[in-house]
Amino acid sequence: IEKALGDQDATVRGIAAAAITLGEVNGEKALALIEKAFADHHFPRAYIIDNFFVHTLKKGGGEKAIALLEKCLANQNARMRVEAAGALGYVGGEKAIALLEKALADQDARMRCAAVRALGEVGGEKAVALLEKAAAERNGDFRDTFFCALANAGGEKAIALLEAALADQDVKVRLSAASALWMVDGEERLALLEKALGDQDATVRQQAFSGISRRLHGEKARDLF
């Protein structure tokens, strides 16, 4: 594969990179090969991000993987930056959270959206604290992503933020919060969904019912409704 990455034929180089992204090579050796592929200015590097970091890094890429992602975040290719931010959610850890915090301040809305989603994947108190700081996103184009990230992250603080959203004056905020509640684990999920069932807006109530239906058999869901 390493030899193929140096082939004059771009198609051969692409197949070699695909072999890495599909998990044929793992660990430090795979990262070294990916670094070589990144040096190929004629190769669609975003493809590497889309595949390799999703399928391989989450198996445990370590510090070298984080270093590669940090380089990608500084790349001029917007798609690469967005995909790298999203991949940090699979990697996790203190360094990933620090990089995602920077991404939350990016001027590109797609970048901020990817960072919000990734923080939901990482979870934990620090990730939720950053999501709280990014609460302005709940009123933007990525409102659903924001609430799904909170639900995915879990924890007392995330649950409290979701509960507060269910009492928001803006029906769009309540609707997005209700649509994400089915992702919450634990007893808190049903308590929040039941609360949403009492909303004055029919669409919010319907979202709550849909969420209950996803978690319960139809008859039990109808009883709650």
Protein backbone atom coordinates (compact mmCIF):
# COMPACT_ATOMS: atom_id res chain seq x y z
CA ILE A 1 0.00 0.00 0.00
CA GLU A 2 2.82 2.39 0.86
CA LYS A 3 4.38 1.77 -2.55
CA ALA A 4 1.02 2.24 -4.28
CA LEU A 5 0.57 5.64 -2.60
CA GLY A 6 3.64 6.78 -4.52
CA ASP A 7 2.40 5.50 -7.87
CA GLN A 8 2.22 7.96 -10.78
CA ASP A 9 -1.35 6.89 -11.52
CA ALA A 10 -3.82 8.83 -9.38
CA THR A 11 -6.31 5.97 -9.60
CA VAL A 12 -3.79 3.57 -8.08
CA ARG A 13 -3.10 6.05 -5.29
CA GLY A 14 -6.84 6.38 -4.69
CA ILE A 15 -7.34 2.61 -4.42
CA ALA A 16 -4.45 2.42 -1.97
CA ALA A 17 -5.96 5.12 0.20
CA ALA A 18 -9.34 3.38 0.02
CA ALA A 19 -7.71 0.19 1.35
CA ILE A 20 -6.54 2.16 4.38
CA THR A 21 -9.90 3.86 4.97
CA LEU A 22 -11.74 0.55 4.78
CA GLY A 23 -9.71 -0.70 7.69
CA GLU A 24 -7.34 -3.07 5.91
CA VAL A 25 -4.54 -1.33 7.79
CA ASN A 26 -4.93 -0.11 11.37
CA GLY A 27 -3.09 1.70 14.12
CA GLU A 28 0.08 3.73 13.86
CA LYS A 29 1.04 2.26 10.50
CA ALA A 30 -2.28 3.34 9.02
CA LEU A 31 -1.80 6.86 10.35
CA ALA A 32 1.66 7.01 8.81
CA LEU A 33 0.22 5.97 5.45
CA ILE A 34 -2.57 8.52 5.72
CA GLU A 35 0.00 11.23 6.41
CA LYS A 36 1.67 10.27 3.16
CA ALA A 37 -1.67 10.42 1.34
CA PHE A 38 -2.27 13.91 2.72
CA ALA A 39 0.94 15.04 1.07
CA ASP A 40 -0.58 14.19 -2.32
CA HIS A 41 -1.91 17.55 -3.51
CA HIS A 42 -3.88 15.92 -6.33
CA PHE A 43 -5.76 13.53 -4.09
CA PRO A 44 -9.29 14.34 -2.79
CA ARG A 45 -8.29 14.46 0.85
CA ALA A 46 -11.79 15.03 2.12
CA TYR A 47 -12.50 11.46 1.04
CA ILE A 48 -9.86 10.30 3.49
CA ILE A 49 -11.51 12.25 6.28
CA ASP A 50 -14.97 10.91 5.42
CA ASN A 51 -13.86 7.29 5.60
CA PHE A 52 -10.66 6.76 7.51
CA PHE A 53 -11.41 8.84 10.57
CA VAL A 54 -14.88 7.39 10.96
CA HIS A 55 -13.99 3.74 10.45
CA THR A 56 -10.48 3.58 11.85
CA LEU A 57 -9.82 6.37 14.33
CA LYS A 58 -12.66 5.35 16.62
CA LYS A 59 -10.81 2.08 17.12
CA GLY A 60 -8.14 4.06 18.92
CA GLY A 61 -5.95 6.42 16.96
CA GLY A 62 -4.15 8.06 19.88
CA GLU A 63 -2.21 11.30 19.99
CA LYS A 64 -0.96 11.00 16.44
CA ALA A 65 -4.54 10.86 15.18
CA ILE A 66 -5.40 14.01 17.11
CA ALA A 67 -2.34 15.73 15.62
CA LEU A 68 -3.50 14.80 12.13
CA LEU A 69 -6.99 16.11 12.81
CA GLU A 70 -5.55 19.35 14.16
CA LYS A 71 -3.70 19.81 10.88
CA CYS A 72 -6.91 19.14 8.98
CA LEU A 73 -8.72 21.81 11.02
CA ALA A 74 -6.23 24.36 9.73
CA ASN A 75 -6.58 23.27 6.11
CA GLN A 76 -7.93 25.69 3.48
CA ASN A 77 -10.40 23.06 2.28
CA ALA A 78 -13.68 23.87 4.07
CA ARG A 79 -15.07 20.37 3.71
CA MET A 80 -11.95 18.87 5.23
CA ARG A 81 -12.21 21.18 8.24
CA VAL A 82 -15.87 20.27 8.77
CA GLU A 83 -15.24 16.53 8.49
CA ALA A 84 -12.24 16.76 10.81
CA ALA A 85 -14.34 18.55 13.44
CA GLY A 86 -16.94 15.82 13.20
CA ALA A 87 -14.31 13.09 13.51
CA LEU A 88 -13.15 14.54 16.83
CA GLY A 89 -16.39 13.27 18.29
CA TYR A 90 -15.23 9.69 17.68
CA VAL A 91 -11.78 10.32 19.10
CA GLY A 92 -12.84 12.10 22.30
CA GLY A 93 -10.54 13.16 25.13
CA GLU A 94 -9.33 16.47 26.52
CA LYS A 95 -7.46 17.52 23.38
CA ALA A 96 -10.44 16.82 21.17
CA ILE A 97 -12.69 18.93 23.40
CA ALA A 98 -10.17 21.79 23.30
CA LEU A 99 -10.12 21.68 19.49
CA LEU A 100 -13.91 21.56 19.34
CA GLU A 101 -14.11 24.62 21.58
CA LYS A 102 -12.13 26.53 18.95
CA ALA A 103 -14.36 25.15 16.21
CA LEU A 104 -17.43 26.53 17.99
CA ALA A 105 -16.09 30.03 17.33
CA ASP A 106 -15.53 29.43 13.62
CA GLN A 107 -17.16 31.82 11.18
CA ASP A 108 -18.36 28.91 9.05
CA ALA A 109 -21.78 27.77 10.32
CA ARG A 110 -21.12 24.25 9.00
CA MET A 111 -18.04 24.07 11.17
CA ARG A 112 -19.97 25.14 14.26
CA CYS A 113 -22.65 22.57 13.46
CA ALA A 114 -20.07 19.79 13.17
CA ALA A 115 -18.50 20.85 16.47
CA VAL A 116 -21.86 20.81 18.24
CA ARG A 117 -22.64 17.34 16.92
CA ALA A 118 -19.18 16.08 17.89
CA LEU A 119 -19.48 17.41 21.44
CA GLY A 120 -22.66 15.39 21.78
CA GLU A 121 -20.71 12.30 20.75
CA VAL A 122 -17.94 13.04 23.27
CA GLY A 123 -20.35 13.69 26.15
CA GLY A 124 -19.36 14.47 29.72
CA GLU A 125 -19.50 17.63 31.81
CA LYS A 126 -16.96 19.63 29.80
CA ALA A 127 -18.67 18.88 26.50
CA VAL A 128 -22.08 19.83 27.87
CA ALA A 129 -20.63 23.04 29.35
CA LEU A 130 -19.39 24.01 25.89
CA LEU A 131 -22.78 23.18 24.39
CA GLU A 132 -24.36 25.49 26.94
CA LYS A 133 -21.99 28.27 25.85
CA ALA A 134 -23.03 27.58 22.27
CA ALA A 135 -26.71 27.89 23.13
CA ALA A 136 -27.08 30.65 20.53
CA GLU A 137 -27.03 27.89 17.92
CA ARG A 138 -30.39 26.70 19.19
CA ASN A 139 -31.99 29.68 17.49
CA GLY A 140 -30.14 29.19 14.21
CA ASP A 141 -30.28 26.86 11.25
CA PHE A 142 -28.84 24.01 13.30
CA ARG A 143 -31.34 24.07 16.13
CA ASP A 144 -32.16 20.37 15.78
CA THR A 145 -28.47 19.45 15.82
CA PHE A 146 -27.96 21.40 19.04
CA PHE A 147 -30.73 19.62 20.93
CA CYS A 148 -29.78 16.21 19.55
CA ALA A 149 -26.24 16.83 20.79
CA LEU A 150 -27.54 17.62 24.28
CA ALA A 151 -29.69 14.49 24.29
CA ASN A 152 -26.79 12.39 23.06
CA ALA A 153 -24.37 13.82 25.63
CA GLY A 154 -26.70 13.09 28.53
CA GLY A 155 -26.07 13.96 32.17
CA GLU A 156 -27.93 16.17 34.64
CA LYS A 157 -26.92 19.46 33.04
CA ALA A 158 -27.94 18.39 29.56
CA ILE A 159 -31.29 17.15 30.87
CA ALA A 160 -31.84 20.47 32.66
CA LEU A 161 -31.13 22.40 29.45
CA LEU A 162 -33.58 20.23 27.51
CA GLU A 163 -36.22 20.68 30.20
CA ALA A 164 -35.77 24.46 30.11
CA ALA A 165 -36.12 24.39 26.32
CA LEU A 166 -39.48 22.65 26.66
CA ALA A 167 -40.72 25.73 28.52
CA ASP A 168 -39.31 28.24 26.01
CA GLN A 169 -41.68 30.83 24.55
CA ASP A 170 -40.49 30.03 21.03
CA VAL A 171 -42.47 27.07 19.72
CA LYS A 172 -39.62 26.22 17.31
CA VAL A 173 -37.28 25.73 20.27
CA ARG A 174 -39.83 23.55 22.10
CA LEU A 175 -40.43 21.51 18.95
CA SER A 176 -36.72 20.85 18.37
CA ALA A 177 -36.20 19.92 22.01
CA ALA A 178 -39.15 17.54 21.94
CA SER A 179 -37.90 15.89 18.74
CA ALA A 180 -34.57 15.07 20.42
CA LEU A 181 -35.94 13.62 23.65
CA TRP A 182 -36.23 10.05 22.37
CA MET A 183 -32.40 9.98 22.29
CA VAL A 184 -32.15 10.56 26.05
CA ASP A 185 -31.34 7.47 28.10
CA GLY A 186 -32.77 6.70 31.51
CA GLU A 187 -35.96 7.54 33.39
CA GLU A 188 -35.58 11.24 32.63
CA ARG A 189 -36.52 10.57 29.01
CA LEU A 190 -40.12 9.57 29.69
CA ALA A 191 -40.60 12.31 32.28
CA LEU A 192 -39.56 14.94 29.72
CA LEU A 193 -41.64 13.37 26.96
CA GLU A 194 -44.72 13.31 29.18
CA LYS A 195 -44.13 16.97 29.96
CA ALA A 196 -43.96 17.75 26.25
CA LEU A 197 -47.27 15.91 25.76
CA GLY A 198 -48.90 18.73 27.71
CA ASP A 199 -47.62 21.45 25.40
CA GLN A 200 -50.18 23.91 24.05
CA ASP A 201 -48.88 23.39 20.51
CA ALA A 202 -50.14 20.32 18.63
CA THR A 203 -46.89 19.83 16.69
CA VAL A 204 -44.86 19.68 19.91
CA ARG A 205 -47.31 17.15 21.37
CA GLN A 206 -47.03 15.07 18.21
CA GLN A 207 -43.23 15.07 18.39
CA ALA A 208 -43.41 13.93 22.00
CA PHE A 209 -45.79 11.13 21.06
CA SER A 210 -43.49 10.08 18.22
CA GLY A 211 -40.59 9.96 20.66
CA ILE A 212 -42.53 7.78 23.07
CA SER A 213 -43.55 5.49 20.22
CA ARG A 214 -39.91 4.96 19.32
CA ARG A 215 -39.13 3.72 22.81
CA LEU A 216 -42.33 1.91 23.76
CA HIS A 217 -44.71 -0.47 22.09
CA GLY A 218 -47.67 1.24 20.47
CA GLU A 219 -50.26 0.34 23.12
CA LYS A 220 -48.17 1.75 26.00
CA ALA A 221 -47.47 4.88 23.98
CA ARG A 222 -51.19 5.40 23.32
CA ASP A 223 -51.92 4.99 27.04
CA LEU A 224 -49.46 7.81 27.83
CA PHE A 225 -50.93 9.95 25.11
